[in-house]
PDB file of N, CA and C in Angstrom:
ATOM      1  N   UNK A   1    -161.224 -48.730 -76.625  1.00  0.00           N
ATOM      2  CA  UNK A   1    -161.457 -47.610 -77.500  1.00  0.00           C
ATOM      3  C   UNK A   1    -162.828 -47.029 -77.167  1.00  0.00           C
ATOM      4  N   UNK A   2    -162.892 -45.727 -77.073  1.00  0.00           N
ATOM      5  CA  UNK A   2    -164.154 -45.053 -76.829  1.00  0.00           C
ATOM      6  C   UNK A   2    -164.993 -45.113 -78.100  1.00  0.00           C
ATOM      7  N   UNK A   3    -166.220 -45.556 -77.948  1.00  0.00           N
ATOM      8  CA  UNK A   3    -167.105 -45.664 -79.098  1.00  0.00           C
ATOM      9  C   UNK A   3    -167.652 -44.279 -79.434  1.00  0.00           C
ATOM     10  N   UNK A   4    -167.630 -43.936 -80.703  1.00  0.00           N
ATOM     11  CA  UNK A   4    -168.119 -42.634 -81.131  1.00  0.00           C
ATOM     12  C   UNK A   4    -169.581 -42.728 -81.529  1.00  0.00           C
ATOM     13  N   UNK A   5    -170.384 -41.820 -80.985  1.00  0.00           N
ATOM     14  CA  UNK A   5    -171.761 -41.733 -81.470  1.00  0.00           C
ATOM     15  C   UNK A   5    -171.797 -40.641 -82.537  1.00  0.00           C
ATOM     16  N   UNK A   6    -172.917 -40.481 -83.188  1.00  0.00           N
ATOM     17  CA  UNK A   6    -173.014 -39.540 -84.299  1.00  0.00           C
ATOM     18  C   UNK A   6    -172.705 -38.108 -83.868  1.00  0.00           C
ATOM     19  N   UNK A   7    -173.197 -37.706 -82.715  1.00  0.00           N
ATOM     20  CA  UNK A   7    -172.963 -36.336 -82.246  1.00  0.00           C
ATOM     21  C   UNK A   7    -171.482 -36.087 -81.970  1.00  0.00           C
ATOM     22  N   UNK A   8    -170.824 -37.035 -81.320  1.00  0.00           N
ATOM     23  CA  UNK A   8    -169.399 -36.878 -81.017  1.00  0.00           C
ATOM     24  C   UNK A   8    -168.569 -36.872 -82.296  1.00  0.00           C
ATOM     25  N   UNK A   9    -168.950 -37.696 -83.262  1.00  0.00           N
ATOM     26  CA  UNK A   9    -168.217 -37.768 -84.529  1.00  0.00           C
ATOM     27  C   UNK A   9    -168.318 -36.451 -85.291  1.00  0.00           C
ATOM     28  N   UNK A  10    -169.483 -35.801 -85.237  1.00  0.00           N
ATOM     29  CA  UNK A  10    -169.670 -34.525 -85.926  1.00  0.00           C
ATOM     30  C   UNK A  10    -168.818 -33.421 -85.311  1.00  0.00           C
ATOM     31  N   UNK A  11    -168.501 -33.557 -84.032  1.00  0.00           N
ATOM     32  CA  UNK A  11    -167.700 -32.554 -83.329  1.00  0.00           C
ATOM     33  C   UNK A  11    -166.215 -32.619 -83.703  1.00  0.00           C
ATOM     34  N   UNK A  12    -165.774 -33.741 -84.243  1.00  0.00           N
ATOM     35  CA  UNK A  12    -164.363 -33.911 -84.605  1.00  0.00           C
ATOM     36  C   UNK A  12    -164.100 -33.136 -85.895  1.00  0.00           C
ATOM     37  N   UNK A  13    -163.069 -32.287 -85.912  1.00  0.00           N
ATOM     38  CA  UNK A  13    -162.753 -31.560 -87.154  1.00  0.00           C
ATOM     39  C   UNK A  13    -162.272 -32.525 -88.236  1.00  0.00           C
ATOM     40  N   UNK A  14    -162.527 -32.184 -89.475  1.00  0.00           N
ATOM     41  CA  UNK A  14    -162.134 -33.040 -90.608  1.00  0.00           C
ATOM     42  C   UNK A  14    -160.651 -33.347 -90.605  1.00  0.00           C
ATOM     43  N   UNK A  15    -159.846 -32.435 -90.093  1.00  0.00           N
ATOM     44  CA  UNK A  15    -158.401 -32.639 -90.076  1.00  0.00           C
ATOM     45  C   UNK A  15    -157.985 -33.795 -89.169  1.00  0.00           C
ATOM     46  N   UNK A  16    -158.874 -34.275 -88.309  1.00  0.00           N
ATOM     47  CA  UNK A  16    -158.567 -35.378 -87.392  1.00  0.00           C
ATOM     48  C   UNK A  16    -159.018 -36.728 -87.948  1.00  0.00           C
ATOM     49  N   UNK A  17    -159.238 -36.810 -89.252  1.00  0.00           N
ATOM     50  CA  UNK A  17    -159.615 -38.061 -89.906  1.00  0.00           C
ATOM     51  C   UNK A  17    -158.500 -38.490 -90.838  1.00  0.00           C
ATOM     52  N   UNK A  18    -158.339 -39.793 -90.997  1.00  0.00           N
ATOM     53  CA  UNK A  18    -157.342 -40.327 -91.916  1.00  0.00           C
ATOM     54  C   UNK A  18    -157.653 -39.964 -93.353  1.00  0.00           C
ATOM     55  N   UNK A  19    -158.924 -39.947 -93.692  1.00  0.00           N
ATOM     56  CA  UNK A  19    -159.391 -39.498 -95.006  1.00  0.00           C
ATOM     57  C   UNK A  19    -160.338 -38.316 -94.758  1.00  0.00           C
ATOM     58  N   UNK A  20    -159.789 -37.098 -94.651  1.00  0.00           N
ATOM     59  CA  UNK A  20    -160.582 -35.951 -94.217  1.00  0.00           C
ATOM     60  C   UNK A  20    -161.750 -35.584 -95.135  1.00  0.00           C
ATOM     61  N   UNK A  21    -161.596 -35.719 -96.439  1.00  0.00           N
ATOM     62  CA  UNK A  21    -162.688 -35.347 -97.349  1.00  0.00           C
ATOM     63  C   UNK A  21    -163.891 -36.258 -97.173  1.00  0.00           C
ATOM     64  N   UNK A  22    -163.643 -37.515 -96.851  1.00  0.00           N
ATOM     65  CA  UNK A  22    -164.715 -38.490 -96.651  1.00  0.00           C
ATOM     66  C   UNK A  22    -165.115 -38.614 -95.183  1.00  0.00           C
ATOM     67  N   UNK A  23    -164.312 -37.997 -94.292  1.00  0.00           N
ATOM     68  CA  UNK A  23    -164.514 -38.064 -92.841  1.00  0.00           C
ATOM     69  C   UNK A  23    -164.545 -39.521 -92.366  1.00  0.00           C
ATOM     70  N   UNK A  24    -163.558 -40.293 -92.854  1.00  0.00           N
ATOM     71  CA  UNK A  24    -163.424 -41.698 -92.469  1.00  0.00           C
ATOM     72  C   UNK A  24    -162.126 -41.896 -91.710  1.00  0.00           C
ATOM     73  N   UNK A  25    -162.079 -42.898 -90.875  1.00  0.00           N
ATOM     74  CA  UNK A  25    -160.918 -43.269 -90.076  1.00  0.00           C
ATOM     75  C   UNK A  25    -160.539 -42.157 -89.082  1.00  0.00           C
ATOM     76  N   UNK A  26    -161.374 -41.959 -88.050  1.00  0.00           N
ATOM     77  CA  UNK A  26    -161.070 -40.927 -87.048  1.00  0.00           C
ATOM     78  C   UNK A  26    -159.766 -41.216 -86.316  1.00  0.00           C
ATOM     79  N   UNK A  27    -159.011 -40.155 -86.043  1.00  0.00           N
ATOM     80  CA  UNK A  27    -157.699 -40.282 -85.417  1.00  0.00           C
ATOM     81  C   UNK A  27    -157.594 -39.395 -84.179  1.00  0.00           C
ATOM     82  N   UNK A  28    -158.678 -39.242 -83.431  1.00  0.00           N
ATOM     83  CA  UNK A  28    -158.662 -38.278 -82.335  1.00  0.00           C
ATOM     84  C   UNK A  28    -157.916 -38.725 -81.093  1.00  0.00           C
ATOM     85  N   UNK A  29    -157.661 -40.019 -80.924  1.00  0.00           N
ATOM     86  CA  UNK A  29    -156.866 -40.471 -79.778  1.00  0.00           C
ATOM     87  C   UNK A  29    -155.991 -41.656 -80.198  1.00  0.00           C
ATOM     88  N   UNK A  30    -155.084 -42.049 -79.315  1.00  0.00           N
ATOM     89  CA  UNK A  30    -154.111 -43.102 -79.617  1.00  0.00           C
ATOM     90  C   UNK A  30    -154.782 -44.409 -80.055  1.00  0.00           C
ATOM     91  N   UNK A  31    -155.831 -44.785 -79.370  1.00  0.00           N
ATOM     92  CA  UNK A  31    -156.524 -46.037 -79.689  1.00  0.00           C
ATOM     93  C   UNK A  31    -157.105 -46.001 -81.097  1.00  0.00           C
ATOM     94  N   UNK A  32    -157.713 -44.884 -81.461  1.00  0.00           N
ATOM     95  CA  UNK A  32    -158.286 -44.761 -82.800  1.00  0.00           C
ATOM     96  C   UNK A  32    -157.190 -44.701 -83.867  1.00  0.00           C
ATOM     97  N   UNK A  33    -156.055 -44.116 -83.532  1.00  0.00           N
ATOM     98  CA  UNK A  33    -154.949 -44.035 -84.487  1.00  0.00           C
ATOM     99  C   UNK A  33    -154.416 -45.425 -84.811  1.00  0.00           C
ATOM    100  N   UNK A  34    -154.251 -46.246 -83.800  1.00  0.00           N
ATOM    101  CA  UNK A  34    -153.776 -47.623 -84.008  1.00  0.00           C
ATOM    102  C   UNK A  34    -154.809 -48.432 -84.778  1.00  0.00           C
ATOM    103  N   UNK A  35    -156.075 -48.284 -84.403  1.00  0.00           N
ATOM    104  CA  UNK A  35    -157.153 -49.020 -85.070  1.00  0.00           C
ATOM    105  C   UNK A  35    -157.278 -48.609 -86.534  1.00  0.00           C
ATOM    106  N   UNK A  36    -157.113 -47.327 -86.823  1.00  0.00           N
ATOM    107  CA  UNK A  36    -157.221 -46.852 -88.208  1.00  0.00           C
ATOM    108  C   UNK A  36    -156.166 -47.507 -89.091  1.00  0.00           C
ATOM    109  N   UNK A  37    -154.952 -47.637 -88.569  1.00  0.00           N
ATOM    110  CA  UNK A  37    -153.892 -48.300 -89.334  1.00  0.00           C
ATOM    111  C   UNK A  37    -154.266 -49.755 -89.618  1.00  0.00           C
ATOM    112  N   UNK A  38    -154.789 -50.437 -88.619  1.00  0.00           N
ATOM    113  CA  UNK A  38    -155.166 -51.842 -88.789  1.00  0.00           C
ATOM    114  C   UNK A  38    -156.322 -51.993 -89.769  1.00  0.00           C
ATOM    115  N   UNK A  39    -157.330 -51.143 -89.644  1.00  0.00           N
ATOM    116  CA  UNK A  39    -158.494 -51.227 -90.531  1.00  0.00           C
ATOM    117  C   UNK A  39    -158.117 -50.885 -91.964  1.00  0.00           C
ATOM    118  N   UNK A  40    -157.218 -49.938 -92.141  1.00  0.00           N
ATOM    119  CA  UNK A  40    -156.797 -49.571 -93.495  1.00  0.00           C
ATOM    120  C   UNK A  40    -156.171 -50.777 -94.195  1.00  0.00           C
ATOM    121  N   UNK A  41    -155.325 -51.500 -93.475  1.00  0.00           N
ATOM    122  CA  UNK A  41    -154.696 -52.693 -94.046  1.00  0.00           C
ATOM    123  C   UNK A  41    -155.754 -53.731 -94.406  1.00  0.00           C
ATOM    124  N   UNK A  42    -156.734 -53.925 -93.529  1.00  0.00           N
ATOM    125  CA  UNK A  42    -157.809 -54.886 -93.801  1.00  0.00           C
ATOM    126  C   UNK A  42    -158.611 -54.491 -95.037  1.00  0.00           C
ATOM    127  N   UNK A  43    -158.910 -53.205 -95.178  1.00  0.00           N
ATOM    128  CA  UNK A  43    -159.741 -52.751 -96.290  1.00  0.00           C
ATOM    129  C   UNK A  43    -158.998 -52.833 -97.623  1.00  0.00           C
ATOM    130  N   UNK A  44    -157.686 -52.680 -97.607  1.00  0.00           N
ATOM    131  CA  UNK A  44    -156.902 -52.858 -98.833  1.00  0.00           C
ATOM    132  C   UNK A  44    -156.991 -54.318 -99.269  1.00  0.00           C
ATOM    133  N   UNK A  45    -156.844 -55.230 -98.309  1.00  0.00           N
ATOM    134  CA  UNK A  45    -156.916 -56.660 -98.633  1.00  0.00           C
ATOM    135  C   UNK A  45    -158.284 -57.048 -99.172  1.00  0.00           C
ATOM    136  N   UNK A  46    -159.342 -56.371 -98.705  1.00  0.00           N
ATOM    137  CA  UNK A  46    -160.704 -56.646 -99.180  1.00  0.00           C
ATOM    138  C   UNK A  46    -161.010 -55.937-100.487  1.00  0.00           C
ATOM    139  N   UNK A  47    -160.123 -55.031-100.903  1.00  0.00           N
ATOM    140  CA  UNK A  47    -160.344 -54.296-102.138  1.00  0.00           C
ATOM    141  C   UNK A  47    -161.260 -53.090-101.980  1.00  0.00           C
ATOM    142  N   UNK A  48    -161.488 -52.628-100.766  1.00  0.00           N
ATOM    143  CA  UNK A  48    -162.386 -51.504-100.519  1.00  0.00           C
ATOM    144  C   UNK A  48    -161.652 -50.188-100.314  1.00  0.00           C
ATOM    145  N   UNK A  49    -160.322 -50.242-100.327  1.00  0.00           N
ATOM    146  CA  UNK A  49    -159.499 -49.064-100.102  1.00  0.00           C
ATOM    147  C   UNK A  49    -158.247 -49.214-100.955  1.00  0.00           C
ATOM    148  N   UNK A  50    -157.825 -48.130-101.581  1.00  0.00           N
ATOM    149  CA  UNK A  50    -156.620 -48.214-102.409  1.00  0.00           C
ATOM    150  C   UNK A  50    -155.376 -48.209-101.521  1.00  0.00           C
ATOM    151  N   UNK A  51    -154.290 -48.691-102.069  1.00  0.00           N
ATOM    152  CA  UNK A  51    -153.029 -48.708-101.335  1.00  0.00           C
ATOM    153  C   UNK A  51    -152.584 -47.284-101.006  1.00  0.00           C
ATOM    154  N   UNK A  52    -152.854 -46.339-101.891  1.00  0.00           N
ATOM    155  CA  UNK A  52    -152.503 -44.944-101.657  1.00  0.00           C
ATOM    156  C   UNK A  52    -153.277 -44.341-100.494  1.00  0.00           C
ATOM    157  N   UNK A  53    -154.569 -44.659-100.423  1.00  0.00           N
ATOM    158  CA  UNK A  53    -155.375 -44.162 -99.309  1.00  0.00           C
ATOM    159  C   UNK A  53    -154.893 -44.758 -97.991  1.00  0.00           C
ATOM    160  N   UNK A  54    -154.578 -46.043 -98.010  1.00  0.00           N
ATOM    161  CA  UNK A  54    -154.089 -46.700 -96.799  1.00  0.00           C
ATOM    162  C   UNK A  54    -152.763 -46.093 -96.363  1.00  0.00           C
ATOM    163  N   UNK A  55    -151.909 -45.781 -97.312  1.00  0.00           N
ATOM    164  CA  UNK A  55    -150.630 -45.160 -96.983  1.00  0.00           C
ATOM    165  C   UNK A  55    -150.846 -43.785 -96.357  1.00  0.00           C
ATOM    166  N   UNK A  56    -151.820 -43.044 -96.881  1.00  0.00           N
ATOM    167  CA  UNK A  56    -152.147 -41.728 -96.330  1.00  0.00           C
ATOM    168  C   UNK A  56    -152.618 -41.857 -94.876  1.00  0.00           C
ATOM    169  N   UNK A  57    -153.463 -42.839 -94.604  1.00  0.00           N
ATOM    170  CA  UNK A  57    -153.967 -43.065 -93.251  1.00  0.00           C
ATOM    171  C   UNK A  57    -152.829 -43.452 -92.315  1.00  0.00           C
ATOM    172  N   UNK A  58    -151.991 -44.390 -92.754  1.00  0.00           N
ATOM    173  CA  UNK A  58    -150.860 -44.831 -91.915  1.00  0.00           C
ATOM    174  C   UNK A  58    -149.891 -43.689 -91.634  1.00  0.00           C
ATOM    175  N   UNK A  59    -149.598 -42.885 -92.647  1.00  0.00           N
ATOM    176  CA  UNK A  59    -148.671 -41.765 -92.480  1.00  0.00           C
ATOM    177  C   UNK A  59    -149.206 -40.764 -91.462  1.00  0.00           C
ATOM    178  N   UNK A  60    -150.472 -40.427 -91.570  1.00  0.00           N
ATOM    179  CA  UNK A  60    -151.064 -39.462 -90.650  1.00  0.00           C
ATOM    180  C   UNK A  60    -151.135 -40.035 -89.235  1.00  0.00           C
ATOM    181  N   UNK A  61    -151.521 -41.290 -89.117  1.00  0.00           N
ATOM    182  CA  UNK A  61    -151.600 -41.932 -87.796  1.00  0.00           C
ATOM    183  C   UNK A  61    -150.209 -42.019 -87.169  1.00  0.00           C
ATOM    184  N   UNK A  62    -149.200 -42.381 -87.947  1.00  0.00           N
ATOM    185  CA  UNK A  62    -147.828 -42.464 -87.428  1.00  0.00           C
ATOM    186  C   UNK A  62    -147.351 -41.100 -86.944  1.00  0.00           C
ATOM    187  N   UNK A  63    -147.666 -40.058 -87.702  1.00  0.00           N
ATOM    188  CA  UNK A  63    -147.264 -38.710 -87.298  1.00  0.00           C
ATOM    189  C   UNK A  63    -147.911 -38.341 -85.951  1.00  0.00           C
ATOM    190  N   UNK A  64    -149.189 -38.660 -85.792  1.00  0.00           N
ATOM    191  CA  UNK A  64    -149.890 -38.355 -84.549  1.00  0.00           C
ATOM    192  C   UNK A  64    -149.403 -39.229 -83.389  1.00  0.00           C
ATOM    193  N   UNK A  65    -148.949 -40.438 -83.710  1.00  0.00           N
ATOM    194  CA  UNK A  65    -148.417 -41.336 -82.688  1.00  0.00           C
ATOM    195  C   UNK A  65    -146.964 -41.001 -82.319  1.00  0.00           C
ATOM    196  N   UNK A  66    -146.366 -40.098 -83.064  1.00  0.00           N
ATOM    197  CA  UNK A  66    -145.000 -39.693 -82.786  1.00  0.00           C
ATOM    198  C   UNK A  66    -143.954 -40.622 -83.358  1.00  0.00           C
ATOM    199  N   UNK A  67    -144.302 -41.350 -84.409  1.00  0.00           N
ATOM    200  CA  UNK A  67    -143.349 -42.285 -85.037  1.00  0.00           C
ATOM    201  C   UNK A  67    -142.681 -41.643 -86.220  1.00  0.00           C
TER     202      UNK A  67
END
């Protein structure tokens, strides 16, 4: 996965994030889309993300992955 620095992250439009209002879980390439799904599941288990937010991230990532 390509590591994002602050400048590159700012260049990504909000629509390319799993949670666009918060600009969290970038989904700009296949690797980030898969990772976002995995991290969302982890954060739900830790109690840092709601199940609804995780579902939103998974749905958007799946759509971008062509599933």
